[in-house]
Amino acid sequence: YSETGGNPPEEKVYGLTKGILSKKGVKGLFVAHNITNNTQIDVMARGIVKALQEMGIDPKTFPVVVREAGVNDAEGKAIFEAAGITYFGEEVTIEQAAKKMIERMKEVYSCPS
């Protein structure tokens, strides 16, 4: 768990993402805010994608699901999707996005239902 409120710059999002992903035992990344907010989703997307790419993490083999809504969310969605990351906007609840994360974890790690 990590909190990124306050509209952090891309470099902070990048550093935070690298920090989380470098922890032993992390097997996926679920990014979500609970309400529509003023977070710049494109900035979040660039920081997260940069960290994933630098660390050689492929969203096809490492579950990454994002549920965000905020400023520049169309641009953020495009960045996430271009990187192969599952993205949901405010039309999907956090609960629905979390269920998708569980599905992705089961797909990647062949966990029984």
Protein backbone atom coordinates (compact mmCIF):
# COMPACT_ATOMS: atom_id res chain seq x y z
CA TYR A 1 0.00 0.00 0.00
CA SER A 2 1.15 3.51 -0.80
CA GLU A 3 -0.57 6.89 -0.91
CA THR A 4 0.13 9.23 -3.83
CA GLY A 5 -2.25 12.08 -3.04
CA GLY A 6 -1.23 15.68 -3.56
CA ASN A 7 -0.49 15.41 -7.26
CA PRO A 8 3.09 14.13 -7.11
CA PRO A 9 5.46 14.84 -10.01
CA GLU A 10 6.38 12.07 -12.43
CA GLU A 11 9.76 11.43 -10.77
CA LYS A 12 8.12 10.78 -7.39
CA VAL A 13 5.60 8.39 -8.93
CA TYR A 14 8.46 6.66 -10.75
CA GLY A 15 10.53 6.34 -7.56
CA LEU A 16 7.58 5.14 -5.51
CA THR A 17 6.67 2.55 -8.14
CA LYS A 18 10.25 1.28 -8.28
CA GLY A 19 10.33 1.08 -4.50
CA ILE A 20 7.14 -0.97 -4.36
CA LEU A 21 8.16 -3.28 -7.19
CA SER A 22 11.60 -3.93 -5.71
CA LYS A 23 10.11 -5.39 -2.51
CA LYS A 24 10.55 -9.13 -2.15
CA GLY A 25 7.38 -11.10 -2.86
CA VAL A 26 5.51 -8.44 -4.86
CA LYS A 27 3.65 -10.28 -7.61
CA GLY A 28 1.45 -7.56 -9.06
CA LEU A 29 0.62 -3.87 -9.03
CA PHE A 30 -2.87 -2.49 -8.38
CA VAL A 31 -3.16 1.30 -8.68
CA ALA A 32 -6.41 2.95 -7.61
CA HIS A 33 -7.91 6.06 -6.08
CA ASN A 34 -11.25 5.77 -4.36
CA ILE A 35 -12.81 8.93 -5.81
CA THR A 36 -12.48 11.22 -8.78
CA ASN A 37 -9.81 13.69 -7.82
CA ASN A 38 -7.43 16.30 -9.21
CA THR A 39 -4.56 13.86 -9.71
CA GLN A 40 -2.97 14.20 -13.14
CA ILE A 41 -3.45 10.72 -14.52
CA ASP A 42 -1.02 11.27 -17.40
CA VAL A 43 1.74 12.13 -14.91
CA MET A 44 0.94 9.01 -12.88
CA ALA A 45 0.96 6.93 -16.06
CA ARG A 46 4.34 8.20 -17.24
CA GLY A 47 5.95 7.55 -13.84
CA ILE A 48 4.50 4.07 -13.47
CA VAL A 49 5.25 3.02 -17.05
CA LYS A 50 8.81 4.38 -16.84
CA ALA A 51 9.45 2.31 -13.70
CA LEU A 52 7.98 -0.85 -15.20
CA GLN A 53 10.00 -0.47 -18.39
CA GLU A 54 13.25 0.33 -16.60
CA MET A 55 12.81 -2.70 -14.36
CA GLY A 56 12.02 -4.93 -17.34
CA ILE A 57 8.54 -5.77 -16.08
CA ASP A 58 6.11 -6.87 -18.77
CA PRO A 59 2.41 -6.35 -17.89
CA LYS A 60 1.61 -9.48 -19.91
CA THR A 61 3.51 -11.64 -17.42
CA PHE A 62 3.23 -9.43 -14.32
CA PRO A 63 -0.30 -8.33 -13.36
CA VAL A 64 -0.84 -4.56 -13.47
CA VAL A 65 -4.32 -3.08 -13.17
CA VAL A 66 -5.05 0.63 -12.88
CA ARG A 67 -8.34 2.24 -11.84
CA GLU A 68 -7.97 6.01 -11.92
CA ALA A 69 -9.99 9.11 -12.65
CA GLY A 70 -8.84 12.70 -12.67
CA VAL A 71 -7.20 15.35 -14.77
CA ASN A 72 -5.95 14.25 -18.21
CA ASP A 73 -7.39 10.77 -17.76
CA ALA A 74 -7.83 10.20 -21.51
CA GLU A 75 -4.11 10.84 -22.06
CA GLY A 76 -3.24 8.69 -19.04
CA LYS A 77 -5.42 5.88 -20.35
CA ALA A 78 -3.62 6.03 -23.70
CA ILE A 79 -0.22 5.83 -21.98
CA PHE A 80 -1.24 2.89 -19.80
CA GLU A 81 -2.88 0.99 -22.64
CA ALA A 82 0.07 1.57 -25.01
CA ALA A 83 2.23 -0.11 -22.35
CA GLY A 84 -0.14 -3.11 -22.20
CA ILE A 85 -1.60 -2.15 -18.81
CA THR A 86 -5.25 -2.84 -17.98
CA TYR A 87 -6.86 0.56 -17.33
CA PHE A 88 -10.26 1.47 -15.94
CA GLY A 89 -11.71 4.92 -15.40
CA GLU A 90 -14.45 6.04 -13.06
CA GLU A 91 -17.03 3.94 -14.93
CA VAL A 92 -15.68 0.95 -13.01
CA THR A 93 -15.76 0.71 -9.23
CA ILE A 94 -12.64 -0.06 -7.23
CA GLU A 95 -14.26 -3.36 -6.26
CA GLN A 96 -14.75 -4.30 -9.93
CA ALA A 97 -11.16 -3.31 -10.74
CA ALA A 98 -9.89 -5.33 -7.76
CA LYS A 99 -11.78 -8.36 -9.07
CA LYS A 100 -10.01 -7.88 -12.41
CA MET A 101 -6.68 -7.76 -10.56
CA ILE A 102 -7.52 -11.07 -8.88
CA GLU A 103 -8.39 -12.56 -12.28
CA ARG A 104 -5.05 -11.36 -13.71
CA MET A 105 -3.17 -12.83 -10.75
CA LYS A 106 -4.91 -16.18 -11.30
CA GLU A 107 -4.15 -16.05 -15.05
CA VAL A 108 -0.48 -15.29 -14.58
CA TYR A 109 0.19 -17.52 -11.59
CA SER A 110 -2.27 -20.34 -12.50
CA CYS A 111 -4.01 -20.16 -9.14
CA PRO A 112 -7.11 -22.31 -8.72
CA SER A 113 -10.44 -20.45 -8.55
